[in-house]
């Protein structure tokens, strides 16, 4: 769990390395997990990169693998 304090604004800054590795059939159960990949200081805040994996229940490989970039400002 990521707990962030003292943030006045968060911005979805974009994505890196997006791969759609498997189609998601209609009605499928999906779940997403994320791990913190990096934190860098930027003017008035920090930029974080999260590695995200979207999985399909019972599927041998994930539906999507991406790195999501956000900026958190003080």
PDB file of N, CA and C in Angstrom:
ATOM      1  N   UNK A   1       0.842  -1.177   0.000  1.00  0.00           N
ATOM      2  CA  UNK A   1       0.000   0.000   0.000  1.00  0.00           C
ATOM      3  C   UNK A   1       0.884   1.236   0.000  1.00  0.00           C
ATOM      4  N   UNK A   2       0.528   2.187  -0.818  1.00  0.00           N
ATOM      5  CA  UNK A   2       1.283   3.436  -0.929  1.00  0.00           C
ATOM      6  C   UNK A   2       0.550   4.512  -0.152  1.00  0.00           C
ATOM      7  N   UNK A   3       1.208   5.102   0.828  1.00  0.00           N
ATOM      8  CA  UNK A   3       0.623   6.166   1.622  1.00  0.00           C
ATOM      9  C   UNK A   3       1.415   7.443   1.364  1.00  0.00           C
ATOM     10  N   UNK A   4       0.732   8.472   0.855  1.00  0.00           N
ATOM     11  CA  UNK A   4       1.397   9.727   0.511  1.00  0.00           C
ATOM     12  C   UNK A   4       0.736  10.852   1.303  1.00  0.00           C
ATOM     13  N   UNK A   5       1.550  11.686   1.949  1.00  0.00           N
ATOM     14  CA  UNK A   5       1.028  12.791   2.743  1.00  0.00           C
ATOM     15  C   UNK A   5       1.567  14.119   2.222  1.00  0.00           C
ATOM     16  N   UNK A   6       0.824  15.188   2.466  1.00  0.00           N
ATOM     17  CA  UNK A   6       1.270  16.535   2.112  1.00  0.00           C
ATOM     18  C   UNK A   6       1.153  16.872   0.643  1.00  0.00           C
ATOM     19  N   UNK A   7       0.343  16.141  -0.098  1.00  0.00           N
ATOM     20  CA  UNK A   7       0.172  16.384  -1.532  1.00  0.00           C
ATOM     21  C   UNK A   7      -1.055  17.268  -1.748  1.00  0.00           C
ATOM     22  N   UNK A   8      -0.878  18.329  -2.528  1.00  0.00           N
ATOM     23  CA  UNK A   8      -2.014  19.207  -2.842  1.00  0.00           C
ATOM     24  C   UNK A   8      -2.608  18.910  -4.211  1.00  0.00           C
ATOM     25  N   UNK A   9      -1.820  18.258  -5.073  1.00  0.00           N
ATOM     26  CA  UNK A   9      -2.318  17.938  -6.411  1.00  0.00           C
ATOM     27  C   UNK A   9      -1.531  16.753  -6.979  1.00  0.00           C
ATOM     28  N   UNK A  10      -2.248  15.838  -7.623  1.00  0.00           N
ATOM     29  CA  UNK A  10      -1.633  14.727  -8.325  1.00  0.00           C
ATOM     30  C   UNK A  10      -1.990  14.797  -9.799  1.00  0.00           C
ATOM     31  N   UNK A  11      -1.027  14.509 -10.665  1.00  0.00           N
ATOM     32  CA  UNK A  11      -1.240  14.595 -12.107  1.00  0.00           C
ATOM     33  C   UNK A  11      -0.836  13.273 -12.756  1.00  0.00           C
ATOM     34  N   UNK A  12      -1.728  12.709 -13.572  1.00  0.00           N
ATOM     35  CA  UNK A  12      -1.374  11.550 -14.380  1.00  0.00           C
ATOM     36  C   UNK A  12      -0.469  12.067 -15.489  1.00  0.00           C
ATOM     37  N   UNK A  13       0.808  11.758 -15.408  1.00  0.00           N
ATOM     38  CA  UNK A  13       1.802  12.333 -16.316  1.00  0.00           C
ATOM     39  C   UNK A  13       1.972  11.517 -17.590  1.00  0.00           C
ATOM     40  N   UNK A  14       1.544  10.245 -17.579  1.00  0.00           N
ATOM     41  CA  UNK A  14       1.636   9.436 -18.788  1.00  0.00           C
ATOM     42  C   UNK A  14       2.016   8.000 -18.494  1.00  0.00           C
ATOM     43  N   UNK A  15       2.406   7.293 -19.555  1.00  0.00           N
ATOM     44  CA  UNK A  15       2.794   5.889 -19.419  1.00  0.00           C
ATOM     45  C   UNK A  15       4.053   5.597 -20.220  1.00  0.00           C
ATOM     46  N   UNK A  16       4.767   4.580 -19.776  1.00  0.00           N
ATOM     47  CA  UNK A  16       5.935   4.064 -20.490  1.00  0.00           C
ATOM     48  C   UNK A  16       5.716   2.580 -20.730  1.00  0.00           C
ATOM     49  N   UNK A  17       6.310   2.037 -21.754  1.00  0.00           N
ATOM     50  CA  UNK A  17       6.372   0.595 -21.970  1.00  0.00           C
ATOM     51  C   UNK A  17       5.017  -0.100 -21.848  1.00  0.00           C
ATOM     52  N   UNK A  18       3.996   0.378 -22.522  1.00  0.00           N
ATOM     53  CA  UNK A  18       2.678  -0.259 -22.463  1.00  0.00           C
ATOM     54  C   UNK A  18       2.643  -1.438 -23.426  1.00  0.00           C
ATOM     55  N   UNK A  19       2.226  -2.609 -22.902  1.00  0.00           N
ATOM     56  CA  UNK A  19       2.093  -3.810 -23.725  1.00  0.00           C
ATOM     57  C   UNK A  19       0.750  -4.458 -23.433  1.00  0.00           C
ATOM     58  N   UNK A  20      -0.048  -4.689 -24.473  1.00  0.00           N
ATOM     59  CA  UNK A  20      -1.298  -5.427 -24.362  1.00  0.00           C
ATOM     60  C   UNK A  20      -0.990  -6.849 -24.822  1.00  0.00           C
ATOM     61  N   UNK A  21      -0.770  -7.739 -23.862  1.00  0.00           N
ATOM     62  CA  UNK A  21      -0.232  -9.061 -24.170  1.00  0.00           C
ATOM     63  C   UNK A  21      -1.288 -10.132 -24.386  1.00  0.00           C
ATOM     64  N   UNK A  22      -2.540  -9.841 -24.036  1.00  0.00           N
ATOM     65  CA  UNK A  22      -3.601 -10.832 -24.188  1.00  0.00           C
ATOM     66  C   UNK A  22      -4.955 -10.122 -24.237  1.00  0.00           C
ATOM     67  N   UNK A  23      -5.872 -10.569 -25.112  1.00  0.00           N
ATOM     68  CA  UNK A  23      -7.203  -9.955 -25.133  1.00  0.00           C
ATOM     69  C   UNK A  23      -7.996 -10.335 -23.880  1.00  0.00           C
ATOM     70  N   UNK A  24      -8.943  -9.487 -23.503  1.00  0.00           N
ATOM     71  CA  UNK A  24      -9.793  -9.739 -22.343  1.00  0.00           C
ATOM     72  C   UNK A  24     -11.183 -10.113 -22.846  1.00  0.00           C
ATOM     73  N   UNK A  25     -11.586 -11.389 -22.703  1.00  0.00           N
ATOM     74  CA  UNK A  25     -12.923 -11.793 -23.136  1.00  0.00           C
ATOM     75  C   UNK A  25     -14.014 -11.078 -22.317  1.00  0.00           C
ATOM     76  N   UNK A  26     -15.129 -10.797 -22.944  1.00  0.00           N
ATOM     77  CA  UNK A  26     -16.261 -10.164 -22.266  1.00  0.00           C
ATOM     78  C   UNK A  26     -16.659 -11.022 -21.071  1.00  0.00           C
ATOM     79  N   UNK A  27     -16.893 -10.367 -19.939  1.00  0.00           N
ATOM     80  CA  UNK A  27     -17.310 -11.056 -18.740  1.00  0.00           C
ATOM     81  C   UNK A  27     -16.177 -11.610 -17.889  1.00  0.00           C
ATOM     82  N   UNK A  28     -14.948 -11.416 -18.314  1.00  0.00           N
ATOM     83  CA  UNK A  28     -13.794 -11.919 -17.559  1.00  0.00           C
ATOM     84  C   UNK A  28     -13.621 -11.164 -16.244  1.00  0.00           C
ATOM     85  N   UNK A  29     -13.058 -11.857 -15.257  1.00  0.00           N
ATOM     86  CA  UNK A  29     -12.668 -11.202 -14.018  1.00  0.00           C
ATOM     87  C   UNK A  29     -11.225 -10.751 -14.171  1.00  0.00           C
ATOM     88  N   UNK A  30     -10.972  -9.477 -13.877  1.00  0.00           N
ATOM     89  CA  UNK A  30      -9.624  -8.928 -13.986  1.00  0.00           C
ATOM     90  C   UNK A  30      -9.209  -8.316 -12.659  1.00  0.00           C
ATOM     91  N   UNK A  31      -7.906  -8.239 -12.458  1.00  0.00           N
ATOM     92  CA  UNK A  31      -7.369  -7.548 -11.291  1.00  0.00           C
ATOM     93  C   UNK A  31      -6.069  -6.879 -11.704  1.00  0.00           C
ATOM     94  N   UNK A  32      -5.731  -5.811 -10.995  1.00  0.00           N
ATOM     95  CA  UNK A  32      -4.493  -5.089 -11.283  1.00  0.00           C
ATOM     96  C   UNK A  32      -3.661  -5.003 -10.017  1.00  0.00           C
ATOM     97  N   UNK A  33      -2.372  -5.099 -10.196  1.00  0.00           N
ATOM     98  CA  UNK A  33      -1.423  -4.918  -9.104  1.00  0.00           C
ATOM     99  C   UNK A  33      -0.352  -3.940  -9.542  1.00  0.00           C
ATOM    100  N   UNK A  34       0.237  -3.254  -8.577  1.00  0.00           N
ATOM    101  CA  UNK A  34       1.258  -2.262  -8.918  1.00  0.00           C
ATOM    102  C   UNK A  34       2.396  -2.308  -7.906  1.00  0.00           C
ATOM    103  N   UNK A  35       3.593  -2.032  -8.395  1.00  0.00           N
ATOM    104  CA  UNK A  35       4.761  -1.889  -7.526  1.00  0.00           C
ATOM    105  C   UNK A  35       5.452  -0.576  -7.860  1.00  0.00           C
ATOM    106  N   UNK A  36       6.001   0.048  -6.854  1.00  0.00           N
ATOM    107  CA  UNK A  36       6.701   1.311  -7.033  1.00  0.00           C
ATOM    108  C   UNK A  36       8.047   1.047  -7.693  1.00  0.00           C
ATOM    109  N   UNK A  37       8.259   1.617  -8.873  1.00  0.00           N
ATOM    110  CA  UNK A  37       9.497   1.394  -9.632  1.00  0.00           C
ATOM    111  C   UNK A  37      10.549   2.462  -9.338  1.00  0.00           C
ATOM    112  N   UNK A  38      10.107   3.730  -9.213  1.00  0.00           N
ATOM    113  CA  UNK A  38      11.077   4.801  -8.951  1.00  0.00           C
ATOM    114  C   UNK A  38      10.379   6.043  -8.415  1.00  0.00           C
ATOM    115  N   UNK A  39      11.172   6.872  -7.742  1.00  0.00           N
ATOM    116  CA  UNK A  39      10.720   8.175  -7.248  1.00  0.00           C
ATOM    117  C   UNK A  39      11.821   9.170  -7.569  1.00  0.00           C
ATOM    118  N   UNK A  40      11.443  10.267  -8.233  1.00  0.00           N
ATOM    119  CA  UNK A  40      12.412  11.316  -8.581  1.00  0.00           C
ATOM    120  C   UNK A  40      11.866  12.664  -8.149  1.00  0.00           C
ATOM    121  N   UNK A  41      12.737  13.514  -7.633  1.00  0.00           N
ATOM    122  CA  UNK A  41      12.309  14.863  -7.270  1.00  0.00           C
ATOM    123  C   UNK A  41      12.151  15.705  -8.524  1.00  0.00           C
ATOM    124  N   UNK A  42      11.080  16.497  -8.546  1.00  0.00           N
ATOM    125  CA  UNK A  42      10.842  17.501  -9.588  1.00  0.00           C
ATOM    126  C   UNK A  42      10.503  18.797  -8.867  1.00  0.00           C
ATOM    127  N   UNK A  43      10.433  19.890  -9.598  1.00  0.00           N
ATOM    128  CA  UNK A  43      10.112  21.179  -8.982  1.00  0.00           C
ATOM    129  C   UNK A  43       8.795  21.078  -8.214  1.00  0.00           C
ATOM    130  N   UNK A  44       8.822  21.401  -6.932  1.00  0.00           N
ATOM    131  CA  UNK A  44       7.647  21.434  -6.045  1.00  0.00           C
ATOM    132  C   UNK A  44       7.005  20.073  -5.788  1.00  0.00           C
ATOM    133  N   UNK A  45       7.713  18.968  -6.041  1.00  0.00           N
ATOM    134  CA  UNK A  45       7.105  17.670  -5.776  1.00  0.00           C
ATOM    135  C   UNK A  45       7.983  16.506  -6.186  1.00  0.00           C
ATOM    136  N   UNK A  46       7.321  15.390  -6.489  1.00  0.00           N
ATOM    137  CA  UNK A  46       8.025  14.185  -6.906  1.00  0.00           C
ATOM    138  C   UNK A  46       7.320  13.552  -8.096  1.00  0.00           C
ATOM    139  N   UNK A  47       8.079  12.816  -8.874  1.00  0.00           N
ATOM    140  CA  UNK A  47       7.529  12.016  -9.969  1.00  0.00           C
ATOM    141  C   UNK A  47       7.717  10.557  -9.589  1.00  0.00           C
ATOM    142  N   UNK A  48       6.618   9.793  -9.653  1.00  0.00           N
ATOM    143  CA  UNK A  48       6.706   8.372  -9.325  1.00  0.00           C
ATOM    144  C   UNK A  48       6.375   7.535 -10.555  1.00  0.00           C
ATOM    145  N   UNK A  49       7.039   6.398 -10.653  1.00  0.00           N
ATOM    146  CA  UNK A  49       6.757   5.420 -11.709  1.00  0.00           C
ATOM    147  C   UNK A  49       6.276   4.148 -11.027  1.00  0.00           C
ATOM    148  N   UNK A  50       5.136   3.639 -11.477  1.00  0.00           N
ATOM    149  CA  UNK A  50       4.559   2.415 -10.935  1.00  0.00           C
ATOM    150  C   UNK A  50       4.480   1.382 -12.052  1.00  0.00           C
ATOM    151  N   UNK A  51       4.995   0.171 -11.786  1.00  0.00           N
ATOM    152  CA  UNK A  51       4.850  -0.944 -12.722  1.00  0.00           C
ATOM    153  C   UNK A  51       3.506  -1.602 -12.446  1.00  0.00           C
ATOM    154  N   UNK A  52       2.637  -1.626 -13.442  1.00  0.00           N
ATOM    155  CA  UNK A  52       1.271  -2.134 -13.290  1.00  0.00           C
ATOM    156  C   UNK A  52       1.083  -3.378 -14.161  1.00  0.00           C
ATOM    157  N   UNK A  53       0.465  -4.397 -13.583  1.00  0.00           N
ATOM    158  CA  UNK A  53       0.126  -5.616 -14.319  1.00  0.00           C
ATOM    159  C   UNK A  53      -1.368  -5.863 -14.161  1.00  0.00           C
ATOM    160  N   UNK A  54      -2.073  -6.010 -15.273  1.00  0.00           N
ATOM    161  CA  UNK A  54      -3.500  -6.335 -15.266  1.00  0.00           C
ATOM    162  C   UNK A  54      -3.633  -7.801 -15.660  1.00  0.00           C
ATOM    163  N   UNK A  55      -4.202  -8.609 -14.754  1.00  0.00           N
ATOM    164  CA  UNK A  55      -4.307 -10.047 -14.962  1.00  0.00           C
ATOM    165  C   UNK A  55      -5.759 -10.458 -15.210  1.00  0.00           C
ATOM    166  N   UNK A  56      -5.922 -11.541 -15.970  1.00  0.00           N
ATOM    167  CA  UNK A  56      -7.231 -12.131 -16.246  1.00  0.00           C
ATOM    168  C   UNK A  56      -7.300 -13.442 -15.462  1.00  0.00           C
ATOM    169  N   UNK A  57      -8.368 -13.641 -14.715  1.00  0.00           N
ATOM    170  CA  UNK A  57      -8.509 -14.869 -13.928  1.00  0.00           C
ATOM    171  C   UNK A  57      -8.459 -16.096 -14.838  1.00  0.00           C
ATOM    172  N   UNK A  58      -7.543 -17.019 -14.517  1.00  0.00           N
ATOM    173  CA  UNK A  58      -7.405 -18.262 -15.260  1.00  0.00           C
ATOM    174  C   UNK A  58      -6.583 -18.177 -16.535  1.00  0.00           C
ATOM    175  N   UNK A  59      -6.097 -16.997 -16.896  1.00  0.00           N
ATOM    176  CA  UNK A  59      -5.316 -16.835 -18.126  1.00  0.00           C
ATOM    177  C   UNK A  59      -3.829 -17.065 -17.839  1.00  0.00           C
ATOM    178  N   UNK A  60      -3.102 -17.625 -18.802  1.00  0.00           N
ATOM    179  CA  UNK A  60      -1.681 -17.909 -18.581  1.00  0.00           C
ATOM    180  C   UNK A  60      -0.782 -16.667 -18.593  1.00  0.00           C
ATOM    181  N   UNK A  61      -1.240 -15.588 -19.218  1.00  0.00           N
ATOM    182  CA  UNK A  61      -0.422 -14.374 -19.227  1.00  0.00           C
ATOM    183  C   UNK A  61      -1.305 -13.155 -18.987  1.00  0.00           C
ATOM    184  N   UNK A  62      -0.711 -12.036 -18.568  1.00  0.00           N
ATOM    185  CA  UNK A  62      -1.496 -10.846 -18.245  1.00  0.00           C
ATOM    186  C   UNK A  62      -2.111 -10.190 -19.481  1.00  0.00           C
ATOM    187  N   UNK A  63      -3.130  -9.387 -19.241  1.00  0.00           N
ATOM    188  CA  UNK A  63      -3.777  -8.644 -20.321  1.00  0.00           C
ATOM    189  C   UNK A  63      -2.962  -7.404 -20.691  1.00  0.00           C
ATOM    190  N   UNK A  64      -2.351  -6.785 -19.683  1.00  0.00           N
ATOM    191  CA  UNK A  64      -1.609  -5.542 -19.924  1.00  0.00           C
ATOM    192  C   UNK A  64      -0.475  -5.423 -18.919  1.00  0.00           C
ATOM    193  N   UNK A  65       0.652  -4.936 -19.404  1.00  0.00           N
ATOM    194  CA  UNK A  65       1.802  -4.619 -18.563  1.00  0.00           C
ATOM    195  C   UNK A  65       2.216  -3.200 -18.951  1.00  0.00           C
ATOM    196  N   UNK A  66       2.314  -2.312 -17.960  1.00  0.00           N
ATOM    197  CA  UNK A  66       2.636  -0.910 -18.259  1.00  0.00           C
ATOM    198  C   UNK A  66       3.371  -0.272 -17.099  1.00  0.00           C
ATOM    199  N   UNK A  67       4.028   0.834 -17.388  1.00  0.00           N
ATOM    200  CA  UNK A  67       4.610   1.665 -16.342  1.00  0.00           C
ATOM    201  C   UNK A  67       3.873   2.996 -16.376  1.00  0.00           C
ATOM    202  N   UNK A  68       3.222   3.321 -15.266  1.00  0.00           N
ATOM    203  CA  UNK A  68       2.401   4.528 -15.163  1.00  0.00           C
ATOM    204  C   UNK A  68       3.191   5.599 -14.419  1.00  0.00           C
ATOM    205  N   UNK A  69       3.230   6.806 -14.976  1.00  0.00           N
ATOM    206  CA  UNK A  69       3.991   7.913 -14.397  1.00  0.00           C
ATOM    207  C   UNK A  69       3.011   8.945 -13.815  1.00  0.00           C
ATOM    208  N   UNK A  70       3.241   9.332 -12.569  1.00  0.00           N
ATOM    209  CA  UNK A  70       2.419  10.360 -11.912  1.00  0.00           C
ATOM    210  C   UNK A  70       3.325  11.397 -11.289  1.00  0.00           C
ATOM    211  N   UNK A  71       2.815  12.608 -11.193  1.00  0.00           N
ATOM    212  CA  UNK A  71       3.530  13.666 -10.475  1.00  0.00           C
ATOM    213  C   UNK A  71       2.670  14.106  -9.305  1.00  0.00           C
ATOM    214  N   UNK A  72       3.301  14.203  -8.162  1.00  0.00           N
ATOM    215  CA  UNK A  72       2.636  14.619  -6.930  1.00  0.00           C
ATOM    216  C   UNK A  72       3.266  15.925  -6.480  1.00  0.00           C
ATOM    217  N   UNK A  73       2.435  16.964  -6.336  1.00  0.00           N
ATOM    218  CA  UNK A  73       2.937  18.296  -5.986  1.00  0.00           C
ATOM    219  C   UNK A  73       2.555  18.663  -4.575  1.00  0.00           C
ATOM    220  N   UNK A  74       3.463  19.393  -3.915  1.00  0.00           N
ATOM    221  CA  UNK A  74       3.247  19.865  -2.539  1.00  0.00           C
ATOM    222  C   UNK A  74       2.426  21.128  -2.544  1.00  0.00           C
TER     223      UNK A  74
END
